[in-house]
């Protein structure tokens, strides 16, 4: 019998099991966050690291991506998916100074812009060490459950590895920019785009990511 997951909350049990198996034992899973009812865009990143202050076991707020970090919020701001006042506050404080209240205000703004943010892998690592496909594949069916629960208009996949695993074909972002992929999951069709990963070593491609995301936004609005 195949287990069904009706809410995002249902999936957290599975993510925590996989954290114990593949993640840093001293850190918690990072789940997702934002608009969970028919968002315009679902962004799918790779996997979280200990730089996310919400991964601490002492953190009592939302376990959502990119809490306590800076660079990714620049991308969201530059594509028009984060308000200026929130962005300026993100830029002005240290990651360790993020409070639960501030994290909640940032994600309230994410919801306002009808955006949902998640990772393919939820297993938090101490650092940005690469994970093999075999680990990400353990999460694929649960990510697809997220899609079915939230029903996004469009899904943006960051980087070659995430794109290839989710779309189940070899993807090179440099060759597929602004190309729509349609994939059926349990009888429902979803529109996907692949863009450059804009963080870490990928920061050199952030302008291309911004260009492509702006173009995608125009196609759905």
N, C-alpha and C. Protein backbone atom coordinates (compact mmCIF):
# COMPACT_ATOMS: atom_id res chain seq x y z
N UNK A 1 0.85 -1.20 0.00
CA UNK A 1 0.00 0.00 0.00
C UNK A 1 0.88 1.24 0.00
N UNK A 2 0.60 2.17 -0.94
CA UNK A 2 1.37 3.40 -1.06
C UNK A 2 0.82 4.43 -0.09
N UNK A 3 1.70 4.98 0.73
CA UNK A 3 1.27 5.99 1.70
C UNK A 3 0.99 7.30 0.99
N UNK A 4 -0.09 7.97 1.40
CA UNK A 4 -0.42 9.26 0.81
C UNK A 4 -0.11 10.38 1.80
N UNK A 5 0.25 11.54 1.24
CA UNK A 5 0.58 12.71 2.05
C UNK A 5 -0.33 13.84 1.60
N UNK A 6 -1.18 14.29 2.48
CA UNK A 6 -2.17 15.30 2.13
C UNK A 6 -1.75 16.72 2.46
N UNK A 7 -0.78 16.86 3.35
CA UNK A 7 -0.32 18.20 3.75
C UNK A 7 1.21 18.22 3.78
N UNK A 8 1.77 19.41 3.74
CA UNK A 8 3.22 19.56 3.86
C UNK A 8 3.69 19.07 5.22
N UNK A 9 2.85 19.23 6.23
CA UNK A 9 3.19 18.78 7.57
C UNK A 9 3.41 17.27 7.60
N UNK A 10 2.62 16.53 6.82
CA UNK A 10 2.75 15.07 6.77
C UNK A 10 4.14 14.65 6.32
N UNK A 11 4.75 15.44 5.43
CA UNK A 11 6.03 15.08 4.84
C UNK A 11 7.21 15.27 5.80
N UNK A 12 7.02 16.09 6.82
CA UNK A 12 8.13 16.40 7.71
C UNK A 12 8.66 15.16 8.43
N UNK A 13 7.79 14.22 8.72
CA UNK A 13 8.23 12.97 9.36
C UNK A 13 9.23 12.24 8.47
N UNK A 14 8.93 12.19 7.17
CA UNK A 14 9.83 11.51 6.23
C UNK A 14 11.15 12.27 6.09
N UNK A 15 11.07 13.59 6.05
CA UNK A 15 12.27 14.39 5.92
C UNK A 15 13.18 14.24 7.14
N UNK A 16 12.58 14.14 8.31
CA UNK A 16 13.39 13.98 9.51
C UNK A 16 14.07 12.62 9.56
N UNK A 17 13.39 11.59 9.04
CA UNK A 17 14.02 10.27 8.94
C UNK A 17 15.26 10.33 8.04
N UNK A 18 15.12 11.03 6.92
CA UNK A 18 16.22 11.12 5.97
C UNK A 18 17.34 12.02 6.49
N UNK A 19 17.00 13.00 7.32
CA UNK A 19 18.04 13.83 7.95
C UNK A 19 18.92 12.96 8.83
N UNK A 20 18.31 12.08 9.60
CA UNK A 20 19.09 11.20 10.47
C UNK A 20 19.99 10.26 9.67
N UNK A 21 19.56 9.96 8.46
CA UNK A 21 20.33 9.02 7.62
C UNK A 21 21.42 9.72 6.81
N UNK A 22 21.12 10.90 6.28
CA UNK A 22 22.03 11.55 5.34
C UNK A 22 22.57 12.91 5.79
N UNK A 23 21.97 13.49 6.81
CA UNK A 23 22.37 14.84 7.22
C UNK A 23 23.29 14.83 8.42
N UNK A 24 23.69 16.04 8.81
CA UNK A 24 24.51 16.20 10.02
C UNK A 24 23.65 15.92 11.24
N UNK A 25 24.14 15.05 12.11
CA UNK A 25 23.33 14.60 13.25
C UNK A 25 22.97 15.74 14.20
N UNK A 26 23.82 16.77 14.25
CA UNK A 26 23.59 17.86 15.18
C UNK A 26 22.66 18.94 14.62
N UNK A 27 22.21 18.77 13.37
CA UNK A 27 21.35 19.76 12.73
C UNK A 27 19.99 19.18 12.38
N UNK A 28 19.02 20.07 12.19
CA UNK A 28 17.68 19.66 11.80
C UNK A 28 17.48 19.79 10.29
N UNK A 29 16.48 19.10 9.80
CA UNK A 29 16.05 19.28 8.41
C UNK A 29 15.58 20.71 8.19
N UNK A 30 15.75 21.17 6.96
CA UNK A 30 15.11 22.40 6.51
C UNK A 30 14.06 21.99 5.49
N UNK A 31 12.82 22.42 5.70
CA UNK A 31 11.72 21.92 4.89
C UNK A 31 11.43 22.82 3.68
N UNK A 32 10.61 23.81 3.85
CA UNK A 32 10.16 24.67 2.76
C UNK A 32 9.48 25.88 3.38
N UNK A 33 8.98 26.78 2.56
CA UNK A 33 8.28 27.93 3.11
C UNK A 33 7.72 28.81 2.02
N UNK A 34 6.75 29.64 2.39
CA UNK A 34 6.15 30.56 1.44
C UNK A 34 4.69 30.25 1.18
N UNK A 35 4.23 30.65 0.01
CA UNK A 35 2.83 30.46 -0.40
C UNK A 35 2.59 29.01 -0.75
N UNK A 36 1.77 28.34 0.02
CA UNK A 36 1.56 26.89 -0.17
C UNK A 36 0.24 26.55 -0.85
N UNK A 37 -0.46 27.57 -1.34
CA UNK A 37 -1.71 27.34 -2.07
C UNK A 37 -1.63 28.01 -3.44
N UNK A 38 -1.40 27.20 -4.45
CA UNK A 38 -1.32 27.67 -5.85
C UNK A 38 -0.37 28.84 -6.04
N UNK A 39 0.88 28.70 -5.61
CA UNK A 39 1.84 29.79 -5.84
C UNK A 39 2.09 30.01 -7.33
N UNK A 40 2.47 31.24 -7.67
CA UNK A 40 2.85 31.50 -9.06
C UNK A 40 4.11 30.72 -9.40
N UNK A 41 5.07 30.69 -8.46
CA UNK A 41 6.36 30.03 -8.71
C UNK A 41 6.76 29.18 -7.51
N UNK A 42 7.23 27.98 -7.80
CA UNK A 42 7.89 27.14 -6.81
C UNK A 42 9.36 27.06 -7.20
N UNK A 43 10.23 27.55 -6.32
CA UNK A 43 11.67 27.48 -6.55
C UNK A 43 12.24 26.24 -5.87
N UNK A 44 13.03 25.46 -6.61
CA UNK A 44 13.63 24.24 -6.05
C UNK A 44 15.15 24.36 -6.09
N UNK A 45 15.75 24.45 -4.88
CA UNK A 45 17.21 24.50 -4.76
C UNK A 45 17.74 23.09 -4.46
N UNK A 46 19.00 22.98 -4.07
CA UNK A 46 19.63 21.67 -3.89
C UNK A 46 19.39 21.10 -2.50
N UNK A 47 20.14 21.59 -1.50
CA UNK A 47 20.00 21.11 -0.13
C UNK A 47 20.56 22.16 0.81
N UNK A 48 20.09 22.21 2.04
CA UNK A 48 20.51 23.25 2.98
C UNK A 48 21.85 22.94 3.64
N UNK A 49 22.44 23.99 4.22
CA UNK A 49 23.67 23.83 4.99
C UNK A 49 23.49 24.47 6.36
N UNK A 50 24.48 24.26 7.21
CA UNK A 50 24.44 24.81 8.56
C UNK A 50 24.48 26.32 8.61
N UNK A 51 24.71 27.00 7.47
CA UNK A 51 24.64 28.46 7.45
C UNK A 51 23.22 28.94 7.71
N UNK A 52 22.26 28.08 7.44
CA UNK A 52 20.87 28.41 7.73
C UNK A 52 20.66 28.28 9.24
N UNK A 53 20.43 29.40 9.91
CA UNK A 53 20.35 29.37 11.38
C UNK A 53 19.15 28.58 11.87
N UNK A 54 18.17 28.36 10.99
CA UNK A 54 16.99 27.57 11.38
C UNK A 54 17.30 26.09 11.52
N UNK A 55 18.47 25.67 11.05
CA UNK A 55 18.85 24.26 11.17
C UNK A 55 19.31 23.90 12.59
N UNK A 56 19.55 24.90 13.41
CA UNK A 56 19.93 24.64 14.80
C UNK A 56 18.78 23.99 15.55
N UNK A 57 19.09 23.04 16.38
CA UNK A 57 18.06 22.38 17.17
C UNK A 57 17.44 23.32 18.21
N UNK A 58 18.11 24.44 18.48
CA UNK A 58 17.57 25.41 19.42
C UNK A 58 16.57 26.38 18.77
N UNK A 59 16.55 26.39 17.43
CA UNK A 59 15.67 27.32 16.71
C UNK A 59 14.22 26.85 16.84
N UNK A 60 13.34 27.75 17.26
CA UNK A 60 11.94 27.38 17.50
C UNK A 60 10.99 27.98 16.45
N UNK A 61 11.56 28.58 15.41
CA UNK A 61 10.74 29.18 14.36
C UNK A 61 10.61 28.28 13.16
N UNK A 62 10.21 28.85 12.02
CA UNK A 62 10.04 28.07 10.79
C UNK A 62 11.35 27.47 10.32
N UNK A 63 11.31 26.22 9.90
CA UNK A 63 12.49 25.54 9.35
C UNK A 63 12.44 25.67 7.82
N UNK A 64 12.66 26.91 7.37
CA UNK A 64 12.52 27.23 5.96
C UNK A 64 13.87 27.57 5.33
N UNK A 65 13.99 27.45 4.01
CA UNK A 65 15.28 27.70 3.34
C UNK A 65 15.81 29.12 3.50
N UNK A 66 17.13 29.22 3.55
CA UNK A 66 17.88 30.47 3.44
C UNK A 66 17.71 31.43 4.61
N UNK A 67 17.21 30.97 5.74
CA UNK A 67 17.10 31.83 6.91
C UNK A 67 18.49 32.12 7.47
N UNK A 68 18.80 33.40 7.64
CA UNK A 68 20.12 33.80 8.15
C UNK A 68 21.17 33.96 7.07
N UNK A 69 20.79 33.89 5.79
CA UNK A 69 21.74 34.09 4.70
C UNK A 69 21.41 35.39 3.97
N UNK A 70 22.28 35.79 3.04
CA UNK A 70 22.09 37.07 2.35
C UNK A 70 21.92 36.95 0.84
N UNK A 71 22.85 36.27 0.17
CA UNK A 71 22.95 36.39 -1.29
C UNK A 71 21.68 36.01 -2.04
N UNK A 72 20.98 34.97 -1.60
CA UNK A 72 19.81 34.52 -2.36
C UNK A 72 18.70 35.55 -2.33
N UNK A 73 18.64 36.33 -1.25
CA UNK A 73 17.58 37.34 -1.17
C UNK A 73 17.83 38.48 -2.15
N UNK A 74 19.08 38.67 -2.57
CA UNK A 74 19.37 39.63 -3.63
C UNK A 74 18.71 39.21 -4.91
N UNK A 75 18.79 37.92 -5.22
CA UNK A 75 18.12 37.41 -6.43
C UNK A 75 16.62 37.66 -6.35
N UNK A 76 15.99 37.30 -5.24
CA UNK A 76 14.54 37.49 -5.12
C UNK A 76 14.16 38.96 -5.25
N UNK A 77 14.97 39.83 -4.66
CA UNK A 77 14.68 41.26 -4.75
C UNK A 77 14.82 41.76 -6.19
N UNK A 78 15.87 41.35 -6.86
CA UNK A 78 16.13 41.86 -8.21
C UNK A 78 15.14 41.34 -9.25
N UNK A 79 14.46 40.24 -8.97
CA UNK A 79 13.43 39.76 -9.90
C UNK A 79 12.04 40.23 -9.48
N UNK A 80 11.98 41.09 -8.44
CA UNK A 80 10.71 41.66 -8.04
C UNK A 80 9.86 40.79 -7.15
N UNK A 81 10.50 39.84 -6.43
CA UNK A 81 9.75 38.92 -5.59
C UNK A 81 10.06 39.10 -4.10
N UNK A 82 10.60 40.26 -3.76
CA UNK A 82 10.85 40.61 -2.35
C UNK A 82 10.80 42.12 -2.24
N UNK A 83 10.08 42.63 -1.24
CA UNK A 83 9.96 44.08 -1.07
C UNK A 83 11.27 44.70 -0.61
N UNK A 84 11.46 45.98 -0.98
CA UNK A 84 12.72 46.67 -0.71
C UNK A 84 13.02 46.77 0.78
N UNK A 85 12.01 47.07 1.62
CA UNK A 85 12.29 47.24 3.04
C UNK A 85 12.76 45.95 3.69
N UNK A 86 12.17 44.82 3.28
CA UNK A 86 12.60 43.52 3.80
C UNK A 86 14.02 43.22 3.32
N UNK A 87 14.27 43.47 2.04
CA UNK A 87 15.59 43.20 1.48
C UNK A 87 16.67 44.01 2.19
N UNK A 88 16.41 45.28 2.42
CA UNK A 88 17.41 46.14 3.06
C UNK A 88 17.70 45.67 4.48
N UNK A 89 16.68 45.17 5.16
CA UNK A 89 16.92 44.67 6.52
C UNK A 89 17.73 43.38 6.47
N UNK A 90 17.43 42.51 5.49
CA UNK A 90 18.23 41.29 5.33
C UNK A 90 19.70 41.64 5.12
N UNK A 91 19.95 42.64 4.30
CA UNK A 91 21.33 43.02 3.99
C UNK A 91 22.03 43.69 5.17
N UNK A 92 21.26 44.25 6.09
CA UNK A 92 21.86 45.06 7.14
C UNK A 92 22.21 44.29 8.40
N UNK A 93 21.70 43.06 8.55
CA UNK A 93 21.94 42.33 9.79
C UNK A 93 22.76 41.07 9.53
N UNK A 94 23.46 40.63 10.56
CA UNK A 94 24.20 39.38 10.49
C UNK A 94 23.24 38.20 10.50
N UNK A 95 23.69 37.11 9.90
CA UNK A 95 22.85 35.91 9.89
C UNK A 95 22.46 35.45 11.28
N UNK A 96 23.40 35.56 12.20
CA UNK A 96 23.16 35.12 13.58
C UNK A 96 22.17 36.03 14.31
N UNK A 97 21.88 37.21 13.72
CA UNK A 97 20.96 38.15 14.36
C UNK A 97 19.52 37.97 13.89
N UNK A 98 19.30 37.03 12.96
CA UNK A 98 17.93 36.76 12.55
C UNK A 98 17.15 36.23 13.75
N UNK A 99 16.02 36.83 14.03
CA UNK A 99 15.13 36.31 15.07
C UNK A 99 14.00 35.52 14.41
N UNK A 100 13.28 34.78 15.22
CA UNK A 100 12.12 34.06 14.71
C UNK A 100 11.13 35.04 14.09
N UNK A 101 10.93 36.17 14.74
CA UNK A 101 9.97 37.17 14.25
C UNK A 101 10.40 37.72 12.89
N UNK A 102 11.71 37.95 12.72
CA UNK A 102 12.18 38.47 11.43
C UNK A 102 12.05 37.40 10.35
N UNK A 103 12.39 36.17 10.67
CA UNK A 103 12.24 35.09 9.69
C UNK A 103 10.78 34.98 9.25
N UNK A 104 9.88 35.10 10.19
CA UNK A 104 8.45 35.02 9.85
C UNK A 104 8.02 36.20 8.99
N UNK A 105 8.59 37.38 9.21
CA UNK A 105 8.23 38.54 8.39
C UNK A 105 8.79 38.39 6.97
N UNK A 106 9.99 37.82 6.85
CA UNK A 106 10.55 37.58 5.52
C UNK A 106 9.66 36.61 4.74
N UNK A 107 9.25 35.54 5.39
CA UNK A 107 8.44 34.55 4.68
C UNK A 107 7.00 35.01 4.47
N UNK A 108 6.53 35.95 5.29
CA UNK A 108 5.23 36.58 5.00
C UNK A 108 5.32 37.36 3.69
N UNK A 109 6.48 37.99 3.47
CA UNK A 109 6.69 38.72 2.23
C UNK A 109 6.82 37.77 1.03
N UNK A 110 7.45 36.63 1.26
CA UNK A 110 7.53 35.60 0.21
C UNK A 110 6.12 35.14 -0.18
N UNK A 111 5.28 34.92 0.83
CA UNK A 111 3.89 34.52 0.55
C UNK A 111 3.14 35.62 -0.21
N UNK A 112 3.37 36.87 0.17
CA UNK A 112 2.72 38.00 -0.50
C UNK A 112 2.99 37.97 -2.00
N UNK A 113 4.20 37.56 -2.36
CA UNK A 113 4.59 37.52 -3.77
C UNK A 113 4.24 36.19 -4.44
N UNK A 114 3.48 35.37 -3.74
CA UNK A 114 2.98 34.09 -4.27
C UNK A 114 4.13 33.18 -4.72
N UNK A 115 5.11 33.04 -3.84
CA UNK A 115 6.29 32.22 -4.09
C UNK A 115 6.40 31.14 -3.02
N UNK A 116 6.82 29.96 -3.44
CA UNK A 116 7.10 28.85 -2.54
C UNK A 116 8.55 28.45 -2.75
N UNK A 117 9.29 28.28 -1.66
CA UNK A 117 10.72 27.97 -1.74
C UNK A 117 10.98 26.62 -1.08
N UNK A 118 11.68 25.74 -1.78
CA UNK A 118 11.97 24.43 -1.23
C UNK A 118 13.32 23.95 -1.76
N UNK A 119 13.78 22.83 -1.26
CA UNK A 119 14.99 22.16 -1.75
C UNK A 119 14.62 20.76 -2.21
N UNK A 120 15.36 20.22 -3.17
CA UNK A 120 15.17 18.82 -3.52
C UNK A 120 15.54 17.96 -2.32
N UNK A 121 16.74 18.15 -1.79
CA UNK A 121 17.15 17.45 -0.58
C UNK A 121 16.93 18.31 0.64
N UNK A 122 16.37 17.73 1.68
CA UNK A 122 16.14 18.48 2.92
C UNK A 122 17.18 18.15 3.98
N UNK A 123 18.16 17.31 3.65
CA UNK A 123 19.15 16.88 4.64
C UNK A 123 20.22 17.96 4.81
N UNK A 124 20.21 18.62 5.92
CA UNK A 124 21.14 19.71 6.18
C UNK A 124 22.54 19.17 6.43
N UNK A 125 23.52 19.75 5.72
CA UNK A 125 24.93 19.41 5.90
C UNK A 125 25.63 20.55 6.64
N UNK A 126 26.76 20.25 7.25
CA UNK A 126 27.54 21.29 7.92
C UNK A 126 27.97 22.37 6.94
N UNK A 127 28.37 21.94 5.74
CA UNK A 127 28.86 22.88 4.74
C UNK A 127 28.25 22.53 3.38
N UNK A 128 28.80 23.14 2.33
CA UNK A 128 28.23 22.96 1.00
C UNK A 128 28.87 21.80 0.24
N UNK A 129 29.17 20.73 0.93
CA UNK A 129 29.75 19.55 0.27
C UNK A 129 28.75 18.99 -0.74
N UNK A 130 29.23 18.47 -1.87
CA UNK A 130 28.31 17.91 -2.88
C UNK A 130 27.67 16.62 -2.39
N UNK A 131 26.44 16.41 -2.78
CA UNK A 131 25.73 15.18 -2.48
C UNK A 131 25.55 14.37 -3.76
N UNK A 132 25.66 13.06 -3.66
CA UNK A 132 25.48 12.23 -4.85
C UNK A 132 24.02 12.15 -5.27
N UNK A 133 23.80 11.81 -6.53
CA UNK A 133 22.44 11.65 -7.04
C UNK A 133 21.64 10.68 -6.18
N UNK A 134 22.29 9.65 -5.68
CA UNK A 134 21.59 8.60 -4.93
C UNK A 134 20.88 9.16 -3.70
N UNK A 135 21.45 10.19 -3.07
CA UNK A 135 20.80 10.82 -1.92
C UNK A 135 19.61 11.65 -2.38
N UNK A 136 19.81 12.46 -3.40
CA UNK A 136 18.71 13.29 -3.89
C UNK A 136 17.53 12.45 -4.37
N UNK A 137 17.83 11.30 -4.94
CA UNK A 137 16.76 10.44 -5.44
C UNK A 137 15.86 9.94 -4.31
N UNK A 138 16.38 9.88 -3.09
CA UNK A 138 15.57 9.46 -1.95
C UNK A 138 14.48 10.49 -1.64
N UNK A 139 14.70 11.72 -2.09
CA UNK A 139 13.76 12.81 -1.81
C UNK A 139 12.80 13.09 -2.96
N UNK A 140 13.09 12.56 -4.12
CA UNK A 140 12.35 12.95 -5.33
C UNK A 140 10.84 12.73 -5.19
N UNK A 141 10.43 11.58 -4.70
CA UNK A 141 8.98 11.30 -4.61
C UNK A 141 8.30 12.22 -3.61
N UNK A 142 9.03 12.64 -2.57
CA UNK A 142 8.44 13.55 -1.59
C UNK A 142 8.33 14.97 -2.16
N UNK A 143 9.33 15.37 -2.96
CA UNK A 143 9.23 16.67 -3.63
C UNK A 143 8.03 16.69 -4.57
N UNK A 144 7.81 15.58 -5.27
CA UNK A 144 6.65 15.51 -6.16
C UNK A 144 5.35 15.60 -5.36
N UNK A 145 5.34 15.07 -4.14
CA UNK A 145 4.18 15.25 -3.27
C UNK A 145 3.96 16.71 -2.94
N UNK A 146 5.05 17.44 -2.72
CA UNK A 146 4.93 18.87 -2.46
C UNK A 146 4.24 19.56 -3.64
N UNK A 147 4.66 19.23 -4.85
CA UNK A 147 4.04 19.82 -6.04
C UNK A 147 2.54 19.54 -6.06
N UNK A 148 2.17 18.30 -5.76
CA UNK A 148 0.76 17.94 -5.79
C UNK A 148 -0.05 18.67 -4.72
N UNK A 149 0.57 18.92 -3.58
CA UNK A 149 -0.13 19.60 -2.48
C UNK A 149 -0.30 21.09 -2.77
N UNK A 150 0.77 21.74 -3.27
CA UNK A 150 0.71 23.20 -3.42
C UNK A 150 0.18 23.64 -4.79
N UNK A 151 0.33 22.81 -5.81
CA UNK A 151 -0.18 23.10 -7.16
C UNK A 151 0.34 24.43 -7.72
N UNK A 152 1.65 24.52 -7.96
CA UNK A 152 2.23 25.77 -8.48
C UNK A 152 1.93 25.97 -9.96
N UNK A 153 1.93 27.24 -10.39
CA UNK A 153 1.78 27.53 -11.82
C UNK A 153 3.01 27.09 -12.60
N UNK A 154 4.17 27.35 -12.02
CA UNK A 154 5.42 27.00 -12.69
C UNK A 154 6.46 26.62 -11.64
N UNK A 155 7.37 25.74 -12.01
CA UNK A 155 8.41 25.27 -11.10
C UNK A 155 9.76 25.61 -11.71
N UNK A 156 10.60 26.29 -10.95
CA UNK A 156 11.93 26.67 -11.42
C UNK A 156 12.96 25.83 -10.67
N UNK A 157 13.75 25.09 -11.44
CA UNK A 157 14.77 24.20 -10.90
C UNK A 157 16.13 24.85 -11.04
N UNK A 158 16.92 24.85 -9.96
CA UNK A 158 18.23 25.49 -9.98
C UNK A 158 19.34 24.47 -10.21
N UNK A 159 20.06 24.64 -11.31
CA UNK A 159 21.25 23.85 -11.56
C UNK A 159 21.03 22.56 -12.32
N UNK A 160 22.13 22.03 -12.86
CA UNK A 160 22.06 20.82 -13.69
C UNK A 160 21.63 19.59 -12.91
N UNK A 161 22.17 19.42 -11.70
CA UNK A 161 21.90 18.19 -10.95
C UNK A 161 20.44 18.10 -10.54
N UNK A 162 19.92 19.16 -9.94
CA UNK A 162 18.52 19.17 -9.53
C UNK A 162 17.60 19.01 -10.73
N UNK A 163 17.90 19.73 -11.81
CA UNK A 163 17.06 19.66 -13.00
C UNK A 163 17.04 18.25 -13.60
N UNK A 164 18.20 17.62 -13.67
CA UNK A 164 18.29 16.29 -14.27
C UNK A 164 17.54 15.25 -13.45
N UNK A 165 17.63 15.36 -12.13
CA UNK A 165 16.95 14.38 -11.27
C UNK A 165 15.44 14.56 -11.32
N UNK A 166 14.98 15.80 -11.22
CA UNK A 166 13.54 16.05 -11.19
C UNK A 166 12.91 15.74 -12.55
N UNK A 167 13.57 16.12 -13.62
CA UNK A 167 13.00 15.93 -14.96
C UNK A 167 13.31 14.55 -15.55
N UNK A 168 14.18 13.82 -14.86
CA UNK A 168 14.53 12.45 -15.26
C UNK A 168 15.13 12.40 -16.66
N UNK A 169 15.96 13.38 -16.96
CA UNK A 169 16.73 13.41 -18.20
C UNK A 169 17.94 14.30 -17.99
N UNK A 170 18.97 14.10 -18.77
CA UNK A 170 20.19 14.88 -18.64
C UNK A 170 19.92 16.32 -19.06
N UNK A 171 20.12 17.24 -18.12
CA UNK A 171 19.87 18.65 -18.39
C UNK A 171 21.15 19.45 -18.23
N UNK A 172 21.44 20.28 -19.21
CA UNK A 172 22.51 21.27 -19.10
C UNK A 172 21.84 22.64 -19.18
N UNK A 173 21.87 23.39 -18.09
CA UNK A 173 21.17 24.66 -18.05
C UNK A 173 21.62 25.58 -19.17
N UNK A 174 22.91 25.56 -19.50
CA UNK A 174 23.42 26.45 -20.54
C UNK A 174 22.78 26.19 -21.90
N UNK A 175 22.25 24.99 -22.09
CA UNK A 175 21.64 24.62 -23.37
C UNK A 175 20.11 24.68 -23.34
N UNK A 176 19.53 24.93 -22.17
CA UNK A 176 18.07 24.87 -22.05
C UNK A 176 17.47 26.13 -21.43
N UNK A 177 18.19 27.24 -21.50
CA UNK A 177 17.67 28.48 -20.91
C UNK A 177 16.36 28.89 -21.59
N UNK A 178 15.37 29.25 -20.77
CA UNK A 178 14.05 29.71 -21.24
C UNK A 178 13.29 28.62 -22.02
N UNK A 179 13.66 27.40 -21.80
CA UNK A 179 12.96 26.28 -22.43
C UNK A 179 12.01 25.64 -21.42
N UNK A 180 10.76 25.51 -21.79
CA UNK A 180 9.78 24.91 -20.89
C UNK A 180 9.77 23.39 -21.03
N UNK A 181 9.76 22.72 -19.88
CA UNK A 181 9.59 21.27 -19.85
C UNK A 181 8.26 20.97 -19.18
N UNK A 182 7.50 20.08 -19.76
CA UNK A 182 6.22 19.67 -19.17
C UNK A 182 6.36 18.23 -18.71
N UNK A 183 6.04 18.01 -17.45
CA UNK A 183 6.14 16.66 -16.89
C UNK A 183 4.84 16.31 -16.18
N UNK A 184 4.39 15.09 -16.39
CA UNK A 184 3.17 14.62 -15.73
C UNK A 184 3.52 13.85 -14.47
N UNK A 185 2.86 14.20 -13.38
CA UNK A 185 3.05 13.52 -12.09
C UNK A 185 1.68 13.10 -11.58
N UNK A 186 1.46 11.81 -11.51
CA UNK A 186 0.17 11.28 -11.03
C UNK A 186 -1.02 11.92 -11.71
N UNK A 187 -0.93 12.03 -13.03
CA UNK A 187 -2.05 12.52 -13.82
C UNK A 187 -2.16 14.02 -13.95
N UNK A 188 -1.27 14.78 -13.29
CA UNK A 188 -1.28 16.24 -13.38
C UNK A 188 -0.03 16.73 -14.10
N UNK A 189 -0.19 17.71 -14.97
CA UNK A 189 0.94 18.25 -15.72
C UNK A 189 1.50 19.49 -15.03
N UNK A 190 2.83 19.59 -15.01
CA UNK A 190 3.51 20.72 -14.39
C UNK A 190 4.52 21.31 -15.38
N UNK A 191 4.63 22.63 -15.36
CA UNK A 191 5.58 23.33 -16.22
C UNK A 191 6.86 23.62 -15.43
N UNK A 192 7.99 23.26 -16.03
CA UNK A 192 9.29 23.43 -15.38
C UNK A 192 10.22 24.27 -16.26
N UNK A 193 11.11 25.01 -15.59
CA UNK A 193 12.22 25.68 -16.26
C UNK A 193 13.48 25.43 -15.43
N UNK A 194 14.61 25.34 -16.12
CA UNK A 194 15.90 25.19 -15.44
C UNK A 194 16.68 26.50 -15.56
N UNK A 195 17.24 26.94 -14.44
CA UNK A 195 18.07 28.14 -14.46
C UNK A 195 19.39 27.86 -13.74
N UNK A 196 20.35 28.72 -13.97
CA UNK A 196 21.65 28.56 -13.32
C UNK A 196 21.52 28.63 -11.80
N UNK A 197 22.31 27.80 -11.11
CA UNK A 197 22.35 27.87 -9.65
C UNK A 197 23.09 29.14 -9.27
N UNK A 198 22.48 30.03 -8.48
CA UNK A 198 23.05 31.37 -8.30
C UNK A 198 23.84 31.59 -7.01
N UNK A 199 24.13 30.54 -6.27
CA UNK A 199 24.78 30.68 -4.97
C UNK A 199 26.08 29.88 -4.95
N UNK A 200 26.99 30.24 -4.04
CA UNK A 200 28.27 29.54 -3.97
C UNK A 200 29.09 29.82 -5.21
N UNK A 201 29.64 28.77 -5.82
CA UNK A 201 30.39 28.95 -7.06
C UNK A 201 29.51 29.50 -8.18
N UNK A 202 28.20 29.28 -8.05
CA UNK A 202 27.28 29.75 -9.07
C UNK A 202 26.97 31.23 -9.01
N UNK A 203 27.55 31.94 -8.02
CA UNK A 203 27.28 33.37 -7.89
C UNK A 203 27.69 34.12 -9.15
N UNK A 204 28.65 33.57 -9.91
CA UNK A 204 29.09 34.23 -11.15
C UNK A 204 28.01 34.18 -12.22
N UNK A 205 27.02 33.30 -12.04
CA UNK A 205 25.93 33.19 -13.01
C UNK A 205 24.64 33.84 -12.53
N UNK A 206 24.70 34.58 -11.43
CA UNK A 206 23.46 35.11 -10.86
C UNK A 206 22.75 36.07 -11.82
N UNK A 207 23.49 36.81 -12.62
CA UNK A 207 22.85 37.73 -13.57
C UNK A 207 22.05 36.96 -14.62
N UNK A 208 22.57 35.81 -15.04
CA UNK A 208 21.83 34.97 -15.99
C UNK A 208 20.58 34.39 -15.33
N UNK A 209 20.71 34.00 -14.05
CA UNK A 209 19.55 33.50 -13.33
C UNK A 209 18.47 34.57 -13.24
N UNK A 210 18.88 35.79 -12.92
CA UNK A 210 17.93 36.89 -12.80
C UNK A 210 17.25 37.17 -14.13
N UNK A 211 18.03 37.20 -15.19
CA UNK A 211 17.47 37.42 -16.52
C UNK A 211 16.41 36.38 -16.86
N UNK A 212 16.73 35.13 -16.64
CA UNK A 212 15.81 34.05 -17.02
C UNK A 212 14.56 34.04 -16.15
N UNK A 213 14.73 34.30 -14.85
CA UNK A 213 13.56 34.30 -13.96
C UNK A 213 12.64 35.46 -14.31
N UNK A 214 13.18 36.63 -14.62
CA UNK A 214 12.34 37.75 -15.05
C UNK A 214 11.55 37.37 -16.29
N UNK A 215 12.19 36.68 -17.21
CA UNK A 215 11.51 36.25 -18.43
C UNK A 215 10.39 35.26 -18.12
N UNK A 216 10.66 34.33 -17.22
CA UNK A 216 9.66 33.33 -16.84
C UNK A 216 8.46 34.01 -16.17
N UNK A 217 8.73 34.98 -15.30
CA UNK A 217 7.65 35.69 -14.62
C UNK A 217 6.72 36.37 -15.65
N UNK A 218 7.32 36.96 -16.69
CA UNK A 218 6.50 37.62 -17.72
C UNK A 218 5.61 36.62 -18.45
N UNK A 219 6.07 35.38 -18.58
CA UNK A 219 5.28 34.38 -19.31
C UNK A 219 4.07 33.90 -18.53
N UNK A 220 4.08 34.07 -17.20
CA UNK A 220 2.97 33.52 -16.39
C UNK A 220 2.07 34.61 -15.82
N UNK A 221 2.41 35.86 -16.06
CA UNK A 221 1.59 36.95 -15.51
C UNK A 221 1.02 37.82 -16.60
